[in-house]
C-alpha cells in the first residue's frame, strides 16, 4: 500500500462541468468515483485514470526514499537506458 495515498490530494476533472475536485488518493482508489464539489455530479474513474493514479503514487513513494536508495534507483534507470 502506498505510504502517501492517505495524504495526497488527487485532482480530477468533472465530466459535466469540467471543474476540478480533489480527494485523498486512497479514497479515490477505494471508491473509484468522485463527486464534483461544484455541480454534485458523480464521475466514475476509468481504468486509464486509475492506472495514472497508481503510477503517480508509485512515483511519489520513490521520491520519499532515502538519498542512498534514490541514487541506486537513478543508477538502475540510467543503466537500463544505456542498454
PDB file of N, CA and C in Angstrom:
ATOM      1  N   UNK A   1       0.839  -1.183   0.000  1.00  0.00           N
ATOM      2  CA  UNK A   1       0.000   0.000   0.000  1.00  0.00           C
ATOM      3  C   UNK A   1       0.885   1.247   0.000  1.00  0.00           C
ATOM      4  N   UNK A   2       0.445   2.246  -0.696  1.00  0.00           N
ATOM      5  CA  UNK A   2       1.201   3.475  -0.833  1.00  0.00           C
ATOM      6  C   UNK A   2       1.259   4.228   0.494  1.00  0.00           C
ATOM      7  N   UNK A   3       2.434   4.732   0.812  1.00  0.00           N
ATOM      8  CA  UNK A   3       2.603   5.494   2.043  1.00  0.00           C
ATOM      9  C   UNK A   3       2.011   6.895   1.928  1.00  0.00           C
ATOM     10  N   UNK A   4       1.926   7.408   0.725  1.00  0.00           N
ATOM     11  CA  UNK A   4       1.451   8.772   0.534  1.00  0.00           C
ATOM     12  C   UNK A   4      -0.013   8.860   0.133  1.00  0.00           C
ATOM     13  N   UNK A   5      -0.637   7.742  -0.187  1.00  0.00           N
ATOM     14  CA  UNK A   5      -2.011   7.757  -0.703  1.00  0.00           C
ATOM     15  C   UNK A   5      -3.018   8.386   0.256  1.00  0.00           C
ATOM     16  N   UNK A   6      -2.778   8.263   1.535  1.00  0.00           N
ATOM     17  CA  UNK A   6      -3.724   8.799   2.512  1.00  0.00           C
ATOM     18  C   UNK A   6      -3.645  10.315   2.637  1.00  0.00           C
ATOM     19  N   UNK A   7      -2.517  10.904   2.264  1.00  0.00           N
ATOM     20  CA  UNK A   7      -2.351  12.340   2.458  1.00  0.00           C
ATOM     21  C   UNK A   7      -2.357  13.164   1.166  1.00  0.00           C
ATOM     22  N   UNK A   8      -2.108  12.523   0.050  1.00  0.00           N
ATOM     23  CA  UNK A   8      -2.048  13.244  -1.223  1.00  0.00           C
ATOM     24  C   UNK A   8      -3.456  13.533  -1.728  1.00  0.00           C
ATOM     25  N   UNK A   9      -3.718  14.803  -2.013  1.00  0.00           N
ATOM     26  CA  UNK A   9      -4.989  15.217  -2.615  1.00  0.00           C
ATOM     27  C   UNK A   9      -4.843  15.093  -4.129  1.00  0.00           C
ATOM     28  N   UNK A  10      -5.621  14.205  -4.737  1.00  0.00           N
ATOM     29  CA  UNK A  10      -5.500  13.944  -6.172  1.00  0.00           C
ATOM     30  C   UNK A  10      -6.639  14.645  -6.896  1.00  0.00           C
ATOM     31  N   UNK A  11      -6.324  15.560  -7.827  1.00  0.00           N
ATOM     32  CA  UNK A  11      -7.377  16.305  -8.529  1.00  0.00           C
ATOM     33  C   UNK A  11      -7.893  15.549  -9.753  1.00  0.00           C
ATOM     34  N   UNK A  12      -9.198  15.616  -9.951  1.00  0.00           N
ATOM     35  CA  UNK A  12      -9.822  15.015 -11.133  1.00  0.00           C
ATOM     36  C   UNK A  12     -10.853  15.984 -11.703  1.00  0.00           C
ATOM     37  N   UNK A  13     -10.957  16.046 -13.041  1.00  0.00           N
ATOM     38  CA  UNK A  13     -11.943  16.933 -13.654  1.00  0.00           C
ATOM     39  C   UNK A  13     -13.329  16.301 -13.652  1.00  0.00           C
ATOM     40  N   UNK A  14     -14.340  17.136 -13.516  1.00  0.00           N
ATOM     41  CA  UNK A  14     -15.730  16.678 -13.595  1.00  0.00           C
ATOM     42  C   UNK A  14     -16.088  16.491 -15.064  1.00  0.00           C
ATOM     43  N   UNK A  15     -16.740  15.394 -15.392  1.00  0.00           N
ATOM     44  CA  UNK A  15     -17.151  15.133 -16.774  1.00  0.00           C
ATOM     45  C   UNK A  15     -18.249  16.093 -17.218  1.00  0.00           C
ATOM     46  N   UNK A  16     -19.002  16.639 -16.289  1.00  0.00           N
ATOM     47  CA  UNK A  16     -20.122  17.529 -16.625  1.00  0.00           C
ATOM     48  C   UNK A  16     -19.705  18.988 -16.745  1.00  0.00           C
ATOM     49  N   UNK A  17     -19.111  19.551 -15.692  1.00  0.00           N
ATOM     50  CA  UNK A  17     -18.832  20.997 -15.679  1.00  0.00           C
ATOM     51  C   UNK A  17     -17.357  21.333 -15.871  1.00  0.00           C
ATOM     52  N   UNK A  18     -16.490  20.322 -15.932  1.00  0.00           N
ATOM     53  CA  UNK A  18     -15.044  20.480 -16.170  1.00  0.00           C
ATOM     54  C   UNK A  18     -14.274  21.144 -15.031  1.00  0.00           C
ATOM     55  N   UNK A  19     -14.911  21.394 -13.891  1.00  0.00           N
ATOM     56  CA  UNK A  19     -14.165  21.924 -12.748  1.00  0.00           C
ATOM     57  C   UNK A  19     -13.434  20.768 -12.070  1.00  0.00           C
ATOM     58  N   UNK A  20     -12.398  21.090 -11.312  1.00  0.00           N
ATOM     59  CA  UNK A  20     -11.595  20.066 -10.652  1.00  0.00           C
ATOM     60  C   UNK A  20     -12.015  19.902  -9.200  1.00  0.00           C
ATOM     61  N   UNK A  21     -12.013  18.652  -8.758  1.00  0.00           N
ATOM     62  CA  UNK A  21     -12.298  18.305  -7.375  1.00  0.00           C
ATOM     63  C   UNK A  21     -11.173  17.408  -6.888  1.00  0.00           C
ATOM     64  N   UNK A  22     -10.686  17.647  -5.693  1.00  0.00           N
ATOM     65  CA  UNK A  22      -9.609  16.840  -5.122  1.00  0.00           C
ATOM     66  C   UNK A  22     -10.113  16.054  -3.929  1.00  0.00           C
ATOM     67  N   UNK A  23      -9.628  14.846  -3.822  1.00  0.00           N
ATOM     68  CA  UNK A  23      -9.897  13.971  -2.678  1.00  0.00           C
ATOM     69  C   UNK A  23      -8.609  13.239  -2.363  1.00  0.00           C
ATOM     70  N   UNK A  24      -8.489  12.679  -1.159  1.00  0.00           N
ATOM     71  CA  UNK A  24      -7.307  11.859  -0.873  1.00  0.00           C
ATOM     72  C   UNK A  24      -7.220  10.696  -1.864  1.00  0.00           C
ATOM     73  N   UNK A  25      -6.020  10.437  -2.350  1.00  0.00           N
ATOM     74  CA  UNK A  25      -5.823   9.402  -3.360  1.00  0.00           C
ATOM     75  C   UNK A  25      -6.319   8.037  -2.884  1.00  0.00           C
ATOM     76  N   UNK A  26      -6.155   7.732  -1.614  1.00  0.00           N
ATOM     77  CA  UNK A  26      -6.604   6.441  -1.088  1.00  0.00           C
ATOM     78  C   UNK A  26      -8.122   6.298  -1.198  1.00  0.00           C
ATOM     79  N   UNK A  27      -8.846   7.371  -0.949  1.00  0.00           N
ATOM     80  CA  UNK A  27     -10.311   7.342  -1.037  1.00  0.00           C
ATOM     81  C   UNK A  27     -10.739   7.145  -2.491  1.00  0.00           C
ATOM     82  N   UNK A  28     -10.109   7.882  -3.396  1.00  0.00           N
ATOM     83  CA  UNK A  28     -10.448   7.754  -4.818  1.00  0.00           C
ATOM     84  C   UNK A  28     -10.159   6.337  -5.300  1.00  0.00           C
ATOM     85  N   UNK A  29      -9.017   5.802  -4.907  1.00  0.00           N
ATOM     86  CA  UNK A  29      -8.642   4.443  -5.331  1.00  0.00           C
ATOM     87  C   UNK A  29      -9.639   3.409  -4.812  1.00  0.00           C
ATOM     88  N   UNK A  30     -10.089   3.566  -3.577  1.00  0.00           N
ATOM     89  CA  UNK A  30     -11.018   2.598  -2.993  1.00  0.00           C
ATOM     90  C   UNK A  30     -12.435   2.725  -3.552  1.00  0.00           C
ATOM     91  N   UNK A  31     -12.926   3.961  -3.689  1.00  0.00           N
ATOM     92  CA  UNK A  31     -14.301   4.189  -4.131  1.00  0.00           C
ATOM     93  C   UNK A  31     -14.446   4.174  -5.651  1.00  0.00           C
ATOM     94  N   UNK A  32     -13.364   4.479  -6.366  1.00  0.00           N
ATOM     95  CA  UNK A  32     -13.344   4.529  -7.832  1.00  0.00           C
ATOM     96  C   UNK A  32     -14.355   5.518  -8.412  1.00  0.00           C
ATOM     97  N   UNK A  33     -14.660   6.543  -7.633  1.00  0.00           N
ATOM     98  CA  UNK A  33     -15.562   7.593  -8.103  1.00  0.00           C
ATOM     99  C   UNK A  33     -15.277   8.858  -7.308  1.00  0.00           C
ATOM    100  N   UNK A  34     -15.762   9.977  -7.853  1.00  0.00           N
ATOM    101  CA  UNK A  34     -15.597  11.252  -7.174  1.00  0.00           C
ATOM    102  C   UNK A  34     -16.839  12.085  -7.430  1.00  0.00           C
ATOM    103  N   UNK A  35     -17.272  12.819  -6.415  1.00  0.00           N
ATOM    104  CA  UNK A  35     -18.430  13.700  -6.534  1.00  0.00           C
ATOM    105  C   UNK A  35     -17.933  15.132  -6.703  1.00  0.00           C
ATOM    106  N   UNK A  36     -18.398  15.796  -7.762  1.00  0.00           N
ATOM    107  CA  UNK A  36     -17.955  17.155  -8.059  1.00  0.00           C
ATOM    108  C   UNK A  36     -18.394  18.106  -6.956  1.00  0.00           C
ATOM    109  N   UNK A  37     -17.485  18.956  -6.529  1.00  0.00           N
ATOM    110  CA  UNK A  37     -17.792  19.933  -5.481  1.00  0.00           C
ATOM    111  C   UNK A  37     -18.622  21.095  -6.003  1.00  0.00           C
ATOM    112  N   UNK A  38     -18.662  21.281  -7.323  1.00  0.00           N
ATOM    113  CA  UNK A  38     -19.388  22.395  -7.917  1.00  0.00           C
ATOM    114  C   UNK A  38     -20.812  21.995  -8.306  1.00  0.00           C
ATOM    115  N   UNK A  39     -20.950  20.947  -9.134  1.00  0.00           N
ATOM    116  CA  UNK A  39     -22.276  20.588  -9.655  1.00  0.00           C
ATOM    117  C   UNK A  39     -22.881  19.350  -8.995  1.00  0.00           C
ATOM    118  N   UNK A  40     -22.104  18.607  -8.196  1.00  0.00           N
ATOM    119  CA  UNK A  40     -22.619  17.437  -7.494  1.00  0.00           C
ATOM    120  C   UNK A  40     -22.681  16.178  -8.334  1.00  0.00           C
ATOM    121  N   UNK A  41     -22.225  16.233  -9.568  1.00  0.00           N
ATOM    122  CA  UNK A  41     -22.228  15.079 -10.457  1.00  0.00           C
ATOM    123  C   UNK A  41     -21.223  14.035  -9.966  1.00  0.00           C
ATOM    124  N   UNK A  42     -21.586  12.761 -10.083  1.00  0.00           N
ATOM    125  CA  UNK A  42     -20.695  11.669  -9.698  1.00  0.00           C
ATOM    126  C   UNK A  42     -20.008  11.148 -10.953  1.00  0.00           C
ATOM    127  N   UNK A  43     -18.671  11.101 -10.909  1.00  0.00           N
ATOM    128  CA  UNK A  43     -17.889  10.607 -12.034  1.00  0.00           C
ATOM    129  C   UNK A  43     -17.173   9.343 -11.614  1.00  0.00           C
ATOM    130  N   UNK A  44     -17.367   8.276 -12.366  1.00  0.00           N
ATOM    131  CA  UNK A  44     -16.644   7.027 -12.122  1.00  0.00           C
ATOM    132  C   UNK A  44     -15.321   7.091 -12.867  1.00  0.00           C
ATOM    133  N   UNK A  45     -14.266   6.631 -12.218  1.00  0.00           N
ATOM    134  CA  UNK A  45     -12.945   6.668 -12.833  1.00  0.00           C
ATOM    135  C   UNK A  45     -12.801   5.557 -13.862  1.00  0.00           C
ATOM    136  N   UNK A  46     -12.166   5.898 -14.971  1.00  0.00           N
ATOM    137  CA  UNK A  46     -11.877   4.908 -15.994  1.00  0.00           C
ATOM    138  C   UNK A  46     -10.654   4.096 -15.559  1.00  0.00           C
ATOM    139  N   UNK A  47     -10.423   2.988 -16.227  1.00  0.00           N
ATOM    140  CA  UNK A  47      -9.234   2.191 -15.934  1.00  0.00           C
ATOM    141  C   UNK A  47      -7.971   3.012 -16.173  1.00  0.00           C
ATOM    142  N   UNK A  48      -7.981   3.837 -17.200  1.00  0.00           N
ATOM    143  CA  UNK A  48      -6.832   4.670 -17.512  1.00  0.00           C
ATOM    144  C   UNK A  48      -6.559   5.675 -16.391  1.00  0.00           C
ATOM    145  N   UNK A  49      -7.603   6.278 -15.836  1.00  0.00           N
ATOM    146  CA  UNK A  49      -7.425   7.218 -14.728  1.00  0.00           C
ATOM    147  C   UNK A  49      -6.891   6.515 -13.490  1.00  0.00           C
ATOM    148  N   UNK A  50      -7.388   5.311 -13.209  1.00  0.00           N
ATOM    149  CA  UNK A  50      -6.889   4.552 -12.062  1.00  0.00           C
ATOM    150  C   UNK A  50      -5.422   4.174 -12.236  1.00  0.00           C
ATOM    151  N   UNK A  51      -5.037   3.783 -13.441  1.00  0.00           N
ATOM    152  CA  UNK A  51      -3.642   3.451 -13.708  1.00  0.00           C
ATOM    153  C   UNK A  51      -2.759   4.678 -13.533  1.00  0.00           C
ATOM    154  N   UNK A  52      -3.236   5.821 -13.984  1.00  0.00           N
ATOM    155  CA  UNK A  52      -2.486   7.065 -13.817  1.00  0.00           C
ATOM    156  C   UNK A  52      -2.319   7.408 -12.340  1.00  0.00           C
ATOM    157  N   UNK A  53      -3.370   7.227 -11.572  1.00  0.00           N
ATOM    158  CA  UNK A  53      -3.306   7.462 -10.126  1.00  0.00           C
ATOM    159  C   UNK A  53      -2.266   6.554  -9.486  1.00  0.00           C
ATOM    160  N   UNK A  54      -2.276   5.282  -9.832  1.00  0.00           N
ATOM    161  CA  UNK A  54      -1.315   4.331  -9.261  1.00  0.00           C
ATOM    162  C   UNK A  54       0.119   4.691  -9.643  1.00  0.00           C
ATOM    163  N   UNK A  55       0.339   5.085 -10.904  1.00  0.00           N
ATOM    164  CA  UNK A  55       1.684   5.484 -11.333  1.00  0.00           C
ATOM    165  C   UNK A  55       2.150   6.718 -10.573  1.00  0.00           C
ATOM    166  N   UNK A  56       1.262   7.665 -10.384  1.00  0.00           N
ATOM    167  CA  UNK A  56       1.609   8.881  -9.651  1.00  0.00           C
ATOM    168  C   UNK A  56       1.997   8.555  -8.213  1.00  0.00           C
ATOM    169  N   UNK A  57       1.210   7.707  -7.561  1.00  0.00           N
ATOM    170  CA  UNK A  57       1.514   7.327  -6.178  1.00  0.00           C
ATOM    171  C   UNK A  57       2.826   6.558  -6.086  1.00  0.00           C
ATOM    172  N   UNK A  58       3.082   5.685  -7.053  1.00  0.00           N
ATOM    173  CA  UNK A  58       4.330   4.931  -7.063  1.00  0.00           C
ATOM    174  C   UNK A  58       5.521   5.882  -7.210  1.00  0.00           C
ATOM    175  N   UNK A  59       5.395   6.845  -8.102  1.00  0.00           N
ATOM    176  CA  UNK A  59       6.464   7.827  -8.292  1.00  0.00           C
ATOM    177  C   UNK A  59       6.683   8.650  -7.014  1.00  0.00           C
ATOM    178  N   UNK A  60       5.611   9.054  -6.369  1.00  0.00           N
ATOM    179  CA  UNK A  60       5.733   9.847  -5.148  1.00  0.00           C
ATOM    180  C   UNK A  60       6.367   9.041  -4.026  1.00  0.00           C
ATOM    181  N   UNK A  61       6.095   7.740  -3.967  1.00  0.00           N
ATOM    182  CA  UNK A  61       6.739   6.897  -2.960  1.00  0.00           C
ATOM    183  C   UNK A  61       8.240   6.835  -3.183  1.00  0.00           C
ATOM    184  N   UNK A  62       8.657   6.725  -4.454  1.00  0.00           N
ATOM    185  CA  UNK A  62      10.087   6.677  -4.770  1.00  0.00           C
ATOM    186  C   UNK A  62      10.751   7.989  -4.380  1.00  0.00           C
ATOM    187  N   UNK A  63      10.061   9.093  -4.579  1.00  0.00           N
ATOM    188  CA  UNK A  63      10.629  10.399  -4.235  1.00  0.00           C
ATOM    189  C   UNK A  63      10.882  10.519  -2.737  1.00  0.00           C
ATOM    190  N   UNK A  64      10.180   9.755  -1.932  1.00  0.00           N
ATOM    191  CA  UNK A  64      10.333   9.837  -0.489  1.00  0.00           C
ATOM    192  C   UNK A  64      11.382   8.911   0.082  1.00  0.00           C
ATOM    193  N   UNK A  65      12.038   8.147  -0.764  1.00  0.00           N
ATOM    194  CA  UNK A  65      13.065   7.229  -0.274  1.00  0.00           C
ATOM    195  C   UNK A  65      14.284   7.986   0.227  1.00  0.00           C
ATOM    196  N   UNK A  66      15.075   7.301   1.034  1.00  0.00           N
ATOM    197  CA  UNK A  66      16.336   7.888   1.488  1.00  0.00           C
ATOM    198  C   UNK A  66      17.218   8.215   0.294  1.00  0.00           C
ATOM    199  N   UNK A  67      18.134   9.133   0.473  1.00  0.00           N
ATOM    200  CA  UNK A  67      19.006   9.582  -0.601  1.00  0.00           C
ATOM    201  C   UNK A  67      19.761   8.412  -1.237  1.00  0.00           C
ATOM    202  N   UNK A  68      20.304   7.490  -0.439  1.00  0.00           N
ATOM    203  CA  UNK A  68      21.073   6.366  -0.966  1.00  0.00           C
ATOM    204  C   UNK A  68      20.206   5.473  -1.846  1.00  0.00           C
ATOM    205  N   UNK A  69      19.019   5.179  -1.380  1.00  0.00           N
ATOM    206  CA  UNK A  69      18.118   4.323  -2.145  1.00  0.00           C
ATOM    207  C   UNK A  69      17.694   5.007  -3.440  1.00  0.00           C
ATOM    208  N   UNK A  70      17.497   6.301  -3.387  1.00  0.00           N
ATOM    209  CA  UNK A  70      17.103   7.058  -4.575  1.00  0.00           C
ATOM    210  C   UNK A  70      18.244   7.077  -5.587  1.00  0.00           C
ATOM    211  N   UNK A  71      19.478   7.224  -5.112  1.00  0.00           N
ATOM    212  CA  UNK A  71      20.623   7.208  -6.012  1.00  0.00           C
ATOM    213  C   UNK A  71      20.746   5.862  -6.701  1.00  0.00           C
ATOM    214  N   UNK A  72      20.499   4.761  -5.964  1.00  0.00           N
ATOM    215  CA  UNK A  72      20.539   3.428  -6.562  1.00  0.00           C
ATOM    216  C   UNK A  72      19.466   3.291  -7.638  1.00  0.00           C
ATOM    217  N   UNK A  73      18.275   3.816  -7.376  1.00  0.00           N
ATOM    218  CA  UNK A  73      17.182   3.759  -8.346  1.00  0.00           C
ATOM    219  C   UNK A  73      17.558   4.530  -9.601  1.00  0.00           C
ATOM    220  N   UNK A  74      18.167   5.687  -9.435  1.00  0.00           N
ATOM    221  CA  UNK A  74      18.587   6.507 -10.580  1.00  0.00           C
ATOM    222  C   UNK A  74      19.662   5.793 -11.391  1.00  0.00           C
ATOM    223  N   UNK A  75      20.622   5.158 -10.709  1.00  0.00           N
ATOM    224  CA  UNK A  75      21.681   4.426 -11.410  1.00  0.00           C
ATOM    225  C   UNK A  75      21.093   3.278 -12.221  1.00  0.00           C
ATOM    226  N   UNK A  76      20.136   2.545 -11.649  1.00  0.00           N
ATOM    227  CA  UNK A  76      19.498   1.447 -12.355  1.00  0.00           C
ATOM    228  C   UNK A  76      18.762   1.951 -13.587  1.00  0.00           C
ATOM    229  N   UNK A  77      18.100   3.075 -13.465  1.00  0.00           N
ATOM    230  CA  UNK A  77      17.384   3.656 -14.602  1.00  0.00           C
ATOM    231  C   UNK A  77      18.353   4.094 -15.684  1.00  0.00           C
ATOM    232  N   UNK A  78      19.473   4.697 -15.297  1.00  0.00           N
ATOM    233  CA  UNK A  78      20.480   5.119 -16.275  1.00  0.00           C
ATOM    234  C   UNK A  78      21.079   3.931 -17.003  1.00  0.00           C
ATOM    235  N   UNK A  79      21.352   2.841 -16.263  1.00  0.00           N
ATOM    236  CA  UNK A  79      21.903   1.639 -16.873  1.00  0.00           C
ATOM    237  C   UNK A  79      20.914   1.018 -17.849  1.00  0.00           C
ATOM    238  N   UNK A  80      19.626   1.040 -17.513  1.00  0.00           N
ATOM    239  CA  UNK A  80      18.614   0.468 -18.388  1.00  0.00           C
ATOM    240  C   UNK A  80      18.521   1.264 -19.686  1.00  0.00           C
ATOM    241  N   UNK A  81      18.662   2.581 -19.590  1.00  0.00           N
ATOM    242  CA  UNK A  81      18.625   3.435 -20.785  1.00  0.00           C
ATOM    243  C   UNK A  81      19.863   3.186 -21.647  1.00  0.00           C
ATOM    244  N   UNK A  82      21.013   2.984 -20.998  1.00  0.00           N
ATOM    245  CA  UNK A  82      22.265   2.781 -21.722  1.00  0.00           C
ATOM    246  C   UNK A  82      22.270   1.451 -22.487  1.00  0.00           C
ATOM    247  N   UNK A  83      21.533   0.459 -21.986  1.00  0.00           N
ATOM    248  CA  UNK A  83      21.500  -0.857 -22.643  1.00  0.00           C
ATOM    249  C   UNK A  83      20.701  -0.828 -23.858  1.00  0.00           C
TER     250      UNK A  83
END
